Amino acid sequence: MAAGAGGDDLKLLGMWASPAVLRVRLALSIKGISSYEYQEEDFDNKSELLLRSNPVHKMVPVLIHAGKPVCESTVIIQYLDEAFAGDALLPAGPYERAVARFWAAFVDDTVCS
């Protein structure tokens, strides 16, 4: 799929204050994907779409591509790297990717918890 593609078949469920959602929005921008629908979630009144798309954690972010949900920011970033053309989000080498994943997990454990 070409960079910038997406449109009606790409939707991000998020919340403005979530660092994990910001990570996904930055990844979309780096990949050159500007055509997607953003749906702000209210944690006091979660949408049926969120509950159905992420039945395990019932949290954002959730990326829905062609009707299929992808949950968790680091998983979404890996998915974007594989599913869309454009600049790579993760380094090419396995060691460098492991280091990037370590720091992403560190941020999740210290900033996002």
PDB file of N, CA and C in Angstrom:
ATOM      1  N   MET A   1       0.842  -1.168   0.000  1.00  0.00           N
ATOM      2  CA  MET A   1       0.000   0.000   0.000  1.00  0.00           C
ATOM      3  C   MET A   1       0.886   1.230   0.000  1.00  0.00           C
ATOM      4  N   ALA A   2       0.544   2.226  -0.736  1.00  0.00           N
ATOM      5  CA  ALA A   2       1.376   3.413  -0.889  1.00  0.00           C
ATOM      6  C   ALA A   2       1.282   4.328   0.312  1.00  0.00           C
ATOM      7  N   ALA A   3       2.356   5.084   0.532  1.00  0.00           N
ATOM      8  CA  ALA A   3       2.337   6.077   1.602  1.00  0.00           C
ATOM      9  C   ALA A   3       1.216   7.057   1.324  1.00  0.00           C
ATOM     10  N   GLY A   4       0.562   7.483   2.383  1.00  0.00           N
ATOM     11  CA  GLY A   4      -0.546   8.413   2.237  1.00  0.00           C
ATOM     12  C   GLY A   4      -1.857   7.700   1.983  1.00  0.00           C
ATOM     13  N   ALA A   5      -1.791   6.394   1.719  1.00  0.00           N
ATOM     14  CA  ALA A   5      -3.015   5.640   1.495  1.00  0.00           C
ATOM     15  C   ALA A   5      -3.715   5.421   2.821  1.00  0.00           C
ATOM     16  N   GLY A   6      -4.884   4.966   2.775  1.00  0.00           N
ATOM     17  CA  GLY A   6      -5.620   4.713   4.006  1.00  0.00           C
ATOM     18  C   GLY A   6      -7.046   5.142   3.827  1.00  0.00           C
ATOM     19  N   GLY A   7      -7.282   6.425   4.002  1.00  0.00           N
ATOM     20  CA  GLY A   7      -8.598   6.983   3.762  1.00  0.00           C
ATOM     21  C   GLY A   7      -9.661   6.372   4.627  1.00  0.00           C
ATOM     22  N   ASP A   8     -10.748   5.965   3.975  1.00  0.00           N
ATOM     23  CA  ASP A   8     -11.911   5.476   4.698  1.00  0.00           C
ATOM     24  C   ASP A   8     -11.652   4.167   5.430  1.00  0.00           C
ATOM     25  N   ASP A   9     -10.620   3.432   5.043  1.00  0.00           N
ATOM     26  CA  ASP A   9     -10.410   2.126   5.662  1.00  0.00           C
ATOM     27  C   ASP A   9      -9.405   2.171   6.802  1.00  0.00           C
ATOM     28  N   LEU A  10      -9.002   3.357   7.255  1.00  0.00           N
ATOM     29  CA  LEU A  10      -8.027   3.489   8.337  1.00  0.00           C
ATOM     30  C   LEU A  10      -8.596   4.417   9.407  1.00  0.00           C
ATOM     31  N   LYS A  11      -8.689   3.890  10.632  1.00  0.00           N
ATOM     32  CA  LYS A  11      -9.262   4.656  11.740  1.00  0.00           C
ATOM     33  C   LYS A  11      -8.412   4.422  12.977  1.00  0.00           C
ATOM     34  N   LEU A  12      -8.178   5.496  13.739  1.00  0.00           N
ATOM     35  CA  LEU A  12      -7.430   5.406  14.987  1.00  0.00           C
ATOM     36  C   LEU A  12      -8.344   5.805  16.131  1.00  0.00           C
ATOM     37  N   LEU A  13      -8.499   4.896  17.097  1.00  0.00           N
ATOM     38  CA  LEU A  13      -9.235   5.202  18.315  1.00  0.00           C
ATOM     39  C   LEU A  13      -8.214   5.664  19.341  1.00  0.00           C
ATOM     40  N   GLY A  14      -8.437   6.838  19.910  1.00  0.00           N
ATOM     41  CA  GLY A  14      -7.442   7.379  20.815  1.00  0.00           C
ATOM     42  C   GLY A  14      -8.018   8.278  21.877  1.00  0.00           C
ATOM     43  N   MET A  15      -7.110   8.877  22.625  1.00  0.00           N
ATOM     44  CA  MET A  15      -7.441   9.858  23.649  1.00  0.00           C
ATOM     45  C   MET A  15      -6.326  10.879  23.657  1.00  0.00           C
ATOM     46  N   TRP A  16      -6.663  12.134  23.675  1.00  0.00           N
ATOM     47  CA  TRP A  16      -5.691  13.211  23.490  1.00  0.00           C
ATOM     48  C   TRP A  16      -4.534  13.164  24.479  1.00  0.00           C
ATOM     49  N   ALA A  17      -4.743  12.702  25.702  1.00  0.00           N
ATOM     50  CA  ALA A  17      -3.707  12.738  26.740  1.00  0.00           C
ATOM     51  C   ALA A  17      -2.847  11.470  26.794  1.00  0.00           C
ATOM     52  N   SER A  18      -3.061  10.542  25.896  1.00  0.00           N
ATOM     53  CA  SER A  18      -2.354   9.267  25.950  1.00  0.00           C
ATOM     54  C   SER A  18      -1.016   9.337  25.207  1.00  0.00           C
ATOM     55  N   PRO A  19       0.112   9.104  25.916  1.00  0.00           N
ATOM     56  CA  PRO A  19       1.408   9.056  25.227  1.00  0.00           C
ATOM     57  C   PRO A  19       1.466   7.929  24.188  1.00  0.00           C
ATOM     58  N   ALA A  20       0.781   6.828  24.430  1.00  0.00           N
ATOM     59  CA  ALA A  20       0.774   5.719  23.476  1.00  0.00           C
ATOM     60  C   ALA A  20       0.063   6.114  22.187  1.00  0.00           C
ATOM     61  N   VAL A  21      -1.012   6.876  22.302  1.00  0.00           N
ATOM     62  CA  VAL A  21      -1.728   7.361  21.117  1.00  0.00           C
ATOM     63  C   VAL A  21      -0.856   8.356  20.369  1.00  0.00           C
ATOM     64  N   LEU A  22      -0.167   9.221  21.092  1.00  0.00           N
ATOM     65  CA  LEU A  22       0.741  10.175  20.454  1.00  0.00           C
ATOM     66  C   LEU A  22       1.820   9.429  19.674  1.00  0.00           C
ATOM     67  N   ARG A  23       2.339   8.350  20.227  1.00  0.00           N
ATOM     68  CA  ARG A  23       3.354   7.538  19.538  1.00  0.00           C
ATOM     69  C   ARG A  23       2.812   7.044  18.196  1.00  0.00           C
ATOM     70  N   VAL A  24       1.572   6.563  18.182  1.00  0.00           N
ATOM     71  CA  VAL A  24       0.978   6.065  16.945  1.00  0.00           C
ATOM     72  C   VAL A  24       0.738   7.208  15.962  1.00  0.00           C
ATOM     73  N   ARG A  25       0.269   8.348  16.451  1.00  0.00           N
ATOM     74  CA  ARG A  25       0.027   9.483  15.559  1.00  0.00           C
ATOM     75  C   ARG A  25       1.323   9.966  14.925  1.00  0.00           C
ATOM     76  N   LEU A  26       2.416   9.954  15.697  1.00  0.00           N
ATOM     77  CA  LEU A  26       3.725  10.313  15.146  1.00  0.00           C
ATOM     78  C   LEU A  26       4.161   9.297  14.090  1.00  0.00           C
ATOM     79  N   ALA A  27       3.950   8.026  14.367  1.00  0.00           N
ATOM     80  CA  ALA A  27       4.314   6.989  13.405  1.00  0.00           C
ATOM     81  C   ALA A  27       3.529   7.153  12.101  1.00  0.00           C
ATOM     82  N   LEU A  28       2.242   7.438  12.199  1.00  0.00           N
ATOM     83  CA  LEU A  28       1.433   7.675  11.004  1.00  0.00           C
ATOM     84  C   LEU A  28       1.995   8.853  10.205  1.00  0.00           C
ATOM     85  N   SER A  29       2.377   9.898  10.901  1.00  0.00           N
ATOM     86  CA  SER A  29       2.942  11.073  10.244  1.00  0.00           C
ATOM     87  C   SER A  29       4.269  10.743   9.557  1.00  0.00           C
ATOM     88  N   ILE A  30       5.146  10.034  10.248  1.00  0.00           N
ATOM     89  CA  ILE A  30       6.443   9.660   9.670  1.00  0.00           C
ATOM     90  C   ILE A  30       6.245   8.799   8.428  1.00  0.00           C
ATOM     91  N   LYS A  31       5.264   7.906   8.457  1.00  0.00           N
ATOM     92  CA  LYS A  31       4.986   7.051   7.306  1.00  0.00           C
ATOM     93  C   LYS A  31       4.304   7.823   6.173  1.00  0.00           C
ATOM     94  N   GLY A  32       3.922   9.061   6.433  1.00  0.00           N
ATOM     95  CA  GLY A  32       3.258   9.858   5.407  1.00  0.00           C
ATOM     96  C   GLY A  32       1.788   9.533   5.254  1.00  0.00           C
ATOM     97  N   ILE A  33       1.202   8.980   6.295  1.00  0.00           N
ATOM     98  CA  ILE A  33      -0.223   8.608   6.259  1.00  0.00           C
ATOM     99  C   ILE A  33      -1.009   9.710   6.947  1.00  0.00           C
ATOM    100  N   SER A  34      -1.638  10.532   6.134  1.00  0.00           N
ATOM    101  CA  SER A  34      -2.400  11.643   6.702  1.00  0.00           C
ATOM    102  C   SER A  34      -3.906  11.443   6.557  1.00  0.00           C
ATOM    103  N   SER A  35      -4.281  10.489   5.737  1.00  0.00           N
ATOM    104  CA  SER A  35      -5.696  10.254   5.468  1.00  0.00           C
ATOM    105  C   SER A  35      -6.204   9.093   6.322  1.00  0.00           C
ATOM    106  N   TYR A  36      -6.621   9.443   7.536  1.00  0.00           N
ATOM    107  CA  TYR A  36      -7.225   8.450   8.422  1.00  0.00           C
ATOM    108  C   TYR A  36      -8.224   9.174   9.304  1.00  0.00           C
ATOM    109  N   GLU A  37      -9.180   8.420   9.789  1.00  0.00           N
ATOM    110  CA  GLU A  37     -10.170   8.993  10.694  1.00  0.00           C
ATOM    111  C   GLU A  37      -9.677   8.818  12.125  1.00  0.00           C
ATOM    112  N   TYR A  38      -9.787   9.874  12.912  1.00  0.00           N
ATOM    113  CA  TYR A  38      -9.415   9.808  14.323  1.00  0.00           C
ATOM    114  C   TYR A  38     -10.688   9.893  15.148  1.00  0.00           C
ATOM    115  N   GLN A  39     -10.863   8.960  16.062  1.00  0.00           N
ATOM    116  CA  GLN A  39     -12.024   8.973  16.950  1.00  0.00           C
ATOM    117  C   GLN A  39     -11.549   9.108  18.387  1.00  0.00           C
ATOM    118  N   GLU A  40     -11.882  10.219  19.001  1.00  0.00           N
ATOM    119  CA  GLU A  40     -11.536  10.477  20.398  1.00  0.00           C
ATOM    120  C   GLU A  40     -12.439   9.628  21.293  1.00  0.00           C
ATOM    121  N   GLU A  41     -11.836   8.935  22.239  1.00  0.00           N
ATOM    122  CA  GLU A  41     -12.579   8.080  23.160  1.00  0.00           C
ATOM    123  C   GLU A  41     -12.752   8.768  24.512  1.00  0.00           C
ATOM    124  N   ASP A  42     -13.881   8.533  25.134  1.00  0.00           N
ATOM    125  CA  ASP A  42     -14.176   9.013  26.478  1.00  0.00           C
ATOM    126  C   ASP A  42     -14.080   7.806  27.405  1.00  0.00           C
ATOM    127  N   PHE A  43     -13.092   7.815  28.300  1.00  0.00           N
ATOM    128  CA  PHE A  43     -12.869   6.645  29.150  1.00  0.00           C
ATOM    129  C   PHE A  43     -14.000   6.398  30.138  1.00  0.00           C
ATOM    130  N   ASP A  44     -14.821   7.397  30.404  1.00  0.00           N
ATOM    131  CA  ASP A  44     -15.978   7.200  31.269  1.00  0.00           C
ATOM    132  C   ASP A  44     -17.154   6.590  30.515  1.00  0.00           C
ATOM    133  N   ASN A  45     -17.090   6.670  29.201  1.00  0.00           N
ATOM    134  CA  ASN A  45     -18.171   6.154  28.366  1.00  0.00           C
ATOM    135  C   ASN A  45     -17.555   5.603  27.079  1.00  0.00           C
ATOM    136  N   LYS A  46     -16.873   4.458  27.190  1.00  0.00           N
ATOM    137  CA  LYS A  46     -16.154   3.882  26.053  1.00  0.00           C
ATOM    138  C   LYS A  46     -17.131   3.461  24.961  1.00  0.00           C
ATOM    139  N   SER A  47     -16.723   3.708  23.728  1.00  0.00           N
ATOM    140  CA  SER A  47     -17.586   3.374  22.591  1.00  0.00           C
ATOM    141  C   SER A  47     -17.668   1.865  22.398  1.00  0.00           C
ATOM    142  N   GLU A  48     -18.749   1.450  21.776  1.00  0.00           N
ATOM    143  CA  GLU A  48     -18.911   0.028  21.435  1.00  0.00           C
ATOM    144  C   GLU A  48     -17.796  -0.417  20.504  1.00  0.00           C
ATOM    145  N   LEU A  49     -17.374   0.489  19.613  1.00  0.00           N
ATOM    146  CA  LEU A  49     -16.307   0.152  18.682  1.00  0.00           C
ATOM    147  C   LEU A  49     -15.016  -0.157  19.436  1.00  0.00           C
ATOM    148  N   LEU A  50     -14.676   0.636  20.441  1.00  0.00           N
ATOM    149  CA  LEU A  50     -13.476   0.371  21.237  1.00  0.00           C
ATOM    150  C   LEU A  50     -13.605  -0.949  21.991  1.00  0.00           C
ATOM    151  N   LEU A  51     -14.721  -1.167  22.643  1.00  0.00           N
ATOM    152  CA  LEU A  51     -14.926  -2.397  23.417  1.00  0.00           C
ATOM    153  C   LEU A  51     -14.888  -3.641  22.534  1.00  0.00           C
ATOM    154  N   ARG A  52     -15.418  -3.515  21.326  1.00  0.00           N
ATOM    155  CA  ARG A  52     -15.426  -4.636  20.378  1.00  0.00           C
ATOM    156  C   ARG A  52     -14.037  -4.832  19.751  1.00  0.00           C
ATOM    157  N   SER A  53     -13.304  -3.723  19.536  1.00  0.00           N
ATOM    158  CA  SER A  53     -12.009  -3.792  18.852  1.00  0.00           C
ATOM    159  C   SER A  53     -10.876  -4.207  19.767  1.00  0.00           C
ATOM    160  N   ASN A  54     -10.979  -3.904  21.052  1.00  0.00           N
ATOM    161  CA  ASN A  54      -9.947  -4.285  22.021  1.00  0.00           C
ATOM    162  C   ASN A  54     -10.631  -4.897  23.246  1.00  0.00           C
ATOM    163  N   PRO A  55     -11.193  -6.094  23.080  1.00  0.00           N
ATOM    164  CA  PRO A  55     -11.959  -6.698  24.178  1.00  0.00           C
ATOM    165  C   PRO A  55     -11.095  -7.141  25.361  1.00  0.00           C
ATOM    166  N   VAL A  56      -9.799  -7.278  25.186  1.00  0.00           N
ATOM    167  CA  VAL A  56      -8.927  -7.725  26.271  1.00  0.00           C
ATOM    168  C   VAL A  56      -8.644  -6.586  27.238  1.00  0.00           C
ATOM    169  N   HIS A  57      -8.099  -5.475  26.733  1.00  0.00           N
ATOM    170  CA  HIS A  57      -7.715  -4.357  27.604  1.00  0.00           C
ATOM    171  C   HIS A  57      -8.726  -3.209  27.604  1.00  0.00           C
ATOM    172  N   LYS A  58      -9.534  -3.115  26.542  1.00  0.00           N
ATOM    173  CA  LYS A  58     -10.538  -2.051  26.430  1.00  0.00           C
ATOM    174  C   LYS A  58      -9.904  -0.663  26.543  1.00  0.00           C
ATOM    175  N   MET A  59      -8.698  -0.517  25.949  1.00  0.00           N
ATOM    176  CA  MET A  59      -7.943   0.729  26.026  1.00  0.00           C
ATOM    177  C   MET A  59      -7.505   1.163  24.629  1.00  0.00           C
ATOM    178  N   VAL A  60      -7.091   2.416  24.533  1.00  0.00           N
ATOM    179  CA  VAL A  60      -6.517   2.965  23.313  1.00  0.00           C
ATOM    180  C   VAL A  60      -5.001   2.900  23.425  1.00  0.00           C
ATOM    181  N   PRO A  61      -4.304   2.947  22.319  1.00  0.00           N
ATOM    182  CA  PRO A  61      -4.781   3.125  20.954  1.00  0.00           C
ATOM    183  C   PRO A  61      -5.220   1.809  20.312  1.00  0.00           C
ATOM    184  N   VAL A  62      -6.121   1.974  19.360  1.00  0.00           N
ATOM    185  CA  VAL A  62      -6.516   0.877  18.483  1.00  0.00           C
ATOM    186  C   VAL A  62      -6.517   1.440  17.070  1.00  0.00           C
ATOM    187  N   LEU A  63      -5.805   0.783  16.181  1.00  0.00           N
ATOM    188  CA  LEU A  63      -5.822   1.136  14.765  1.00  0.00           C
ATOM    189  C   LEU A  63      -6.713   0.126  14.069  1.00  0.00           C
ATOM    190  N   ILE A  64      -7.668   0.609  13.312  1.00  0.00           N
ATOM    191  CA  ILE A  64      -8.553  -0.281  12.563  1.00  0.00           C
ATOM    192  C   ILE A  64      -8.249  -0.061  11.088  1.00  0.00           C
ATOM    193  N   HIS A  65      -7.757  -1.124  10.449  1.00  0.00           N
ATOM    194  CA  HIS A  65      -7.396  -1.051   9.036  1.00  0.00           C
ATOM    195  C   HIS A  65      -8.227  -2.069   8.274  1.00  0.00           C
ATOM    196  N   ALA A  66      -9.012  -1.574   7.332  1.00  0.00           N
ATOM    197  CA  ALA A  66      -9.889  -2.434   6.534  1.00  0.00           C
ATOM    198  C   ALA A  66     -10.768  -3.299   7.431  1.00  0.00           C
ATOM    199  N   GLY A  67     -11.242  -2.712   8.537  1.00  0.00           N
ATOM    200  CA  GLY A  67     -12.147  -3.394   9.438  1.00  0.00           C
ATOM    201  C   GLY A  67     -11.488  -4.308  10.455  1.00  0.00           C
ATOM    202  N   LYS A  68     -10.161  -4.416  10.406  1.00  0.00           N
ATOM    203  CA  LYS A  68      -9.438  -5.314  11.319  1.00  0.00           C
ATOM    204  C   LYS A  68      -8.682  -4.490  12.355  1.00  0.00           C
ATOM    205  N   PRO A  69      -8.929  -4.724  13.660  1.00  0.00           N
ATOM    206  CA  PRO A  69      -8.270  -3.936  14.705  1.00  0.00           C
ATOM    207  C   PRO A  69      -6.865  -4.446  15.021  1.00  0.00           C
ATOM    208  N   VAL A  70      -5.969  -3.486  15.274  1.00  0.00           N
ATOM    209  CA  VAL A  70      -4.615  -3.764  15.756  1.00  0.00           C
ATOM    210  C   VAL A  70      -4.472  -2.945  17.041  1.00  0.00           C
ATOM    211  N   CYS A  71      -4.099  -3.602  18.146  1.00  0.00           N
ATOM    212  CA  CYS A  71      -4.045  -2.965  19.458  1.00  0.00           C
ATOM    213  C   CYS A  71      -2.609  -2.874  19.964  1.00  0.00           C
ATOM    214  N   GLU A  72      -2.391  -1.948  20.900  1.00  0.00           N
ATOM    215  CA  GLU A  72      -1.106  -1.698  21.561  1.00  0.00           C
ATOM    216  C   GLU A  72      -0.186  -0.911  20.626  1.00  0.00           C
ATOM    217  N   SER A  73       0.354   0.195  21.129  1.00  0.00           N
ATOM    218  CA  SER A  73       1.106   1.119  20.283  1.00  0.00           C
ATOM    219  C   SER A  73       2.318   0.486  19.613  1.00  0.00           C
ATOM    220  N   THR A  74       3.100  -0.313  20.331  1.00  0.00           N
ATOM    221  CA  THR A  74       4.287  -0.897  19.696  1.00  0.00           C
ATOM    222  C   THR A  74       3.905  -1.912  18.619  1.00  0.00           C
ATOM    223  N   VAL A  75       2.833  -2.632  18.832  1.00  0.00           N
ATOM    224  CA  VAL A  75       2.346  -3.571  17.822  1.00  0.00           C
ATOM    225  C   VAL A  75       1.819  -2.802  16.612  1.00  0.00           C
ATOM    226  N   ILE A  76       1.117  -1.702  16.852  1.00  0.00           N
ATOM    227  CA  ILE A  76       0.603  -0.870  15.763  1.00  0.00           C
ATOM    228  C   ILE A  76       1.755  -0.318  14.934  1.00  0.00           C
ATOM    229  N   ILE A  77       2.819   0.138  15.593  1.00  0.00           N
ATOM    230  CA  ILE A  77       3.962   0.683  14.860  1.00  0.00           C
ATOM    231  C   ILE A  77       4.603  -0.390  13.987  1.00  0.00           C
ATOM    232  N   GLN A  78       4.775  -1.578  14.510  1.00  0.00           N
ATOM    233  CA  GLN A  78       5.327  -2.670  13.707  1.00  0.00           C
ATOM    234  C   GLN A  78       4.414  -2.977  12.528  1.00  0.00           C
ATOM    235  N   TYR A  79       3.109  -2.955  12.768  1.00  0.00           N
ATOM    236  CA  TYR A  79       2.143  -3.203  11.698  1.00  0.00           C
ATOM    237  C   TYR A  79       2.250  -2.131  10.614  1.00  0.00           C
ATOM    238  N   LEU A  80       2.310  -0.857  11.025  1.00  0.00           N
ATOM    239  CA  LEU A  80       2.422   0.232  10.053  1.00  0.00           C
ATOM    240  C   LEU A  80       3.679   0.082   9.208  1.00  0.00           C
ATOM    241  N   ASP A  81       4.777  -0.311   9.847  1.00  0.00           N
ATOM    242  CA  ASP A  81       6.034  -0.507   9.125  1.00  0.00           C
ATOM    243  C   ASP A  81       5.901  -1.589   8.059  1.00  0.00           C
ATOM    244  N   GLU A  82       5.162  -2.646   8.366  1.00  0.00           N
ATOM    245  CA  GLU A  82       5.031  -3.761   7.440  1.00  0.00           C
ATOM    246  C   GLU A  82       3.933  -3.549   6.392  1.00  0.00           C
ATOM    247  N   ALA A  83       2.886  -2.817   6.749  1.00  0.00           N
ATOM    248  CA  ALA A  83       1.714  -2.711   5.872  1.00  0.00           C
ATOM    249  C   ALA A  83       1.746  -1.513   4.937  1.00  0.00           C
ATOM    250  N   PHE A  84       2.572  -0.504   5.245  1.00  0.00           N
ATOM    251  CA  PHE A  84       2.566   0.723   4.461  1.00  0.00           C
ATOM    252  C   PHE A  84       3.965   1.079   3.986  1.00  0.00           C
ATOM    253  N   ALA A  85       4.036   1.561   2.763  1.00  0.00           N
ATOM    254  CA  ALA A  85       5.300   2.039   2.217  1.00  0.00           C
ATOM    255  C   ALA A  85       5.681   3.349   2.915  1.00  0.00           C
ATOM    256  N   GLY A  86       6.885   3.798   2.664  1.00  0.00           N
ATOM    257  CA  GLY A  86       7.344   5.060   3.256  1.00  0.00           C
ATOM    258  C   GLY A  86       8.546   4.817   4.138  1.00  0.00           C
ATOM    259  N   ASP A  87       8.973   5.868   4.822  1.00  0.00           N
ATOM    260  CA  ASP A  87      10.132   5.756   5.698  1.00  0.00           C
ATOM    261  C   ASP A  87       9.916   4.669   6.745  1.00  0.00           C
ATOM    262  N   ALA A  88      10.986   3.918   7.006  1.00  0.00           N
ATOM    263  CA  ALA A  88      10.922   2.868   8.016  1.00  0.00           C
ATOM    264  C   ALA A  88      10.831   3.485   9.401  1.00  0.00           C
ATOM    265  N   LEU A  89      10.019   2.908  10.247  1.00  0.00           N
ATOM    266  CA  LEU A  89       9.869   3.381  11.616  1.00  0.00           C
ATOM    267  C   LEU A  89      10.888   2.727  12.543  1.00  0.00           C
ATOM    268  N   LEU A  90      11.255   1.502  12.240  1.00  0.00           N
ATOM    269  CA  LEU A  90      12.226   0.763  13.051  1.00  0.00           C
ATOM    270  C   LEU A  90      13.502   0.551  12.241  1.00  0.00           C
ATOM    271  N   PRO A  91      14.626   0.482  12.920  1.00  0.00           N
ATOM    272  CA  PRO A  91      15.892   0.242  12.215  1.00  0.00           C
ATOM    273  C   PRO A  91      15.876  -1.087  11.457  1.00  0.00           C
ATOM    274  N   ALA A  92      16.768  -1.214  10.490  1.00  0.00           N
ATOM    275  CA  ALA A  92      16.814  -2.417   9.663  1.00  0.00           C
ATOM    276  C   ALA A  92      17.438  -3.606  10.392  1.00  0.00           C
ATOM    277  N   GLY A  93      18.451  -3.371  11.192  1.00  0.00           N
ATOM    278  CA  GLY A  93      19.167  -4.465  11.843  1.00  0.00           C
ATOM    279  C   GLY A  93      18.421  -5.017  13.040  1.00  0.00           C
ATOM    280  N   PRO A  94      18.524  -6.326  13.275  1.00  0.00           N
ATOM    281  CA  PRO A  94      17.807  -6.939  14.392  1.00  0.00           C
ATOM    282  C   PRO A  94      18.247  -6.394  15.760  1.00  0.00           C
ATOM    283  N   TYR A  95      19.538  -6.149  15.938  1.00  0.00           N
ATOM    284  CA  TYR A  95      19.996  -5.613  17.227  1.00  0.00           C
ATOM    285  C   TYR A  95      19.439  -4.206  17.441  1.00  0.00           C
ATOM    286  N   GLU A  96      19.519  -3.378  16.415  1.00  0.00           N
ATOM    287  CA  GLU A  96      19.023  -2.012  16.522  1.00  0.00           C
ATOM    288  C   GLU A  96      17.512  -1.986  16.764  1.00  0.00           C
ATOM    289  N   ARG A  97      16.774  -2.915  16.140  1.00  0.00           N
ATOM    290  CA  ARG A  97      15.325  -3.017  16.397  1.00  0.00           C
ATOM    291  C   ARG A  97      15.074  -3.424  17.833  1.00  0.00           C
ATOM    292  N   ALA A  98      15.890  -4.352  18.352  1.00  0.00           N
ATOM    293  CA  ALA A  98      15.749  -4.787  19.748  1.00  0.00           C
ATOM    294  C   ALA A  98      15.987  -3.618  20.699  1.00  0.00           C
ATOM    295  N   VAL A  99      16.986  -2.803  20.414  1.00  0.00           N
ATOM    296  CA  VAL A  99      17.271  -1.627  21.249  1.00  0.00           C
ATOM    297  C   VAL A  99      16.086  -0.653  21.197  1.00  0.00           C
ATOM    298  N   ALA A 100      15.545  -0.421  20.020  1.00  0.00           N
ATOM    299  CA  ALA A 100      14.391   0.480  19.884  1.00  0.00           C
ATOM    300  C   ALA A 100      13.198  -0.063  20.673  1.00  0.00           C
ATOM    301  N   ARG A 101      12.977  -1.369  20.619  1.00  0.00           N
ATOM    302  CA  ARG A 101      11.866  -1.973  21.361  1.00  0.00           C
ATOM    303  C   ARG A 101      12.103  -1.889  22.869  1.00  0.00           C
ATOM    304  N   PHE A 102      13.364  -2.031  23.290  1.00  0.00           N
ATOM    305  CA  PHE A 102      13.695  -1.876  24.709  1.00  0.00           C
ATOM    306  C   PHE A 102      13.291  -0.487  25.192  1.00  0.00           C
ATOM    307  N   TRP A 103      13.688   0.552  24.450  1.00  0.00           N
ATOM    308  CA  TRP A 103      13.383   1.919  24.881  1.00  0.00           C
ATOM    309  C   TRP A 103      11.883   2.203  24.819  1.00  0.00           C
ATOM    310  N   ALA A 104      11.195   1.627  23.862  1.00  0.00           N
ATOM    311  CA  ALA A 104       9.739   1.787  23.812  1.00  0.00           C
ATOM    312  C   ALA A 104       9.097   1.154  25.041  1.00  0.00           C
ATOM    313  N   ALA A 105       9.566  -0.037  25.426  1.00  0.00           N
ATOM    314  CA  ALA A 105       9.045  -0.697  26.624  1.00  0.00           C
ATOM    315  C   ALA A 105       9.386   0.107  27.881  1.00  0.00           C
ATOM    316  N   PHE A 106      10.580   0.679  27.921  1.00  0.00           N
ATOM    317  CA  PHE A 106      10.998   1.506  29.055  1.00  0.00           C
ATOM    318  C   PHE A 106      10.061   2.703  29.212  1.00  0.00           C
ATOM    319  N   VAL A 107       9.768   3.373  28.106  1.00  0.00           N
ATOM    320  CA  VAL A 107       8.840   4.512  28.149  1.00  0.00           C
ATOM    321  C   VAL A 107       7.460   4.048  28.602  1.00  0.00           C
ATOM    322  N   ASP A 108       7.001   2.925  28.073  1.00  0.00           N
ATOM    323  CA  ASP A 108       5.700   2.397  28.488  1.00  0.00           C
ATOM    324  C   ASP A 108       5.662   2.122  29.979  1.00  0.00           C
ATOM    325  N   ASP A 109       6.730   1.528  30.499  1.00  0.00           N
ATOM    326  CA  ASP A 109       6.754   1.151  31.924  1.00  0.00           C
ATOM    327  C   ASP A 109       6.946   2.327  32.864  1.00  0.00           C
ATOM    328  N   THR A 110       7.604   3.387  32.396  1.00  0.00           N
ATOM    329  CA  THR A 110       7.899   4.510  33.303  1.00  0.00           C
ATOM    330  C   THR A 110       7.014   5.725  33.077  1.00  0.00           C
ATOM    331  N   VAL A 111       6.715   6.027  31.846  1.00  0.00           N
ATOM    332  CA  VAL A 111       5.929   7.226  31.545  1.00  0.00           C
ATOM    333  C   VAL A 111       4.446   6.913  31.421  1.00  0.00           C
ATOM    334  N   CYS A 112       4.128   5.816  30.783  1.00  0.00           N
ATOM    335  CA  CYS A 112       2.730   5.512  30.478  1.00  0.00           C
ATOM    336  C   CYS A 112       1.997   4.771  31.583  1.00  0.00           C
ATOM    337  N   SER A 113       2.705   4.329  32.631  1.00  0.00           N
ATOM    338  CA  SER A 113       2.003   3.586  33.675  1.00  0.00           C
ATOM    339  C   SER A 113       1.546   4.478  34.792  1.00  0.00           C
TER     340      SER A 113
END
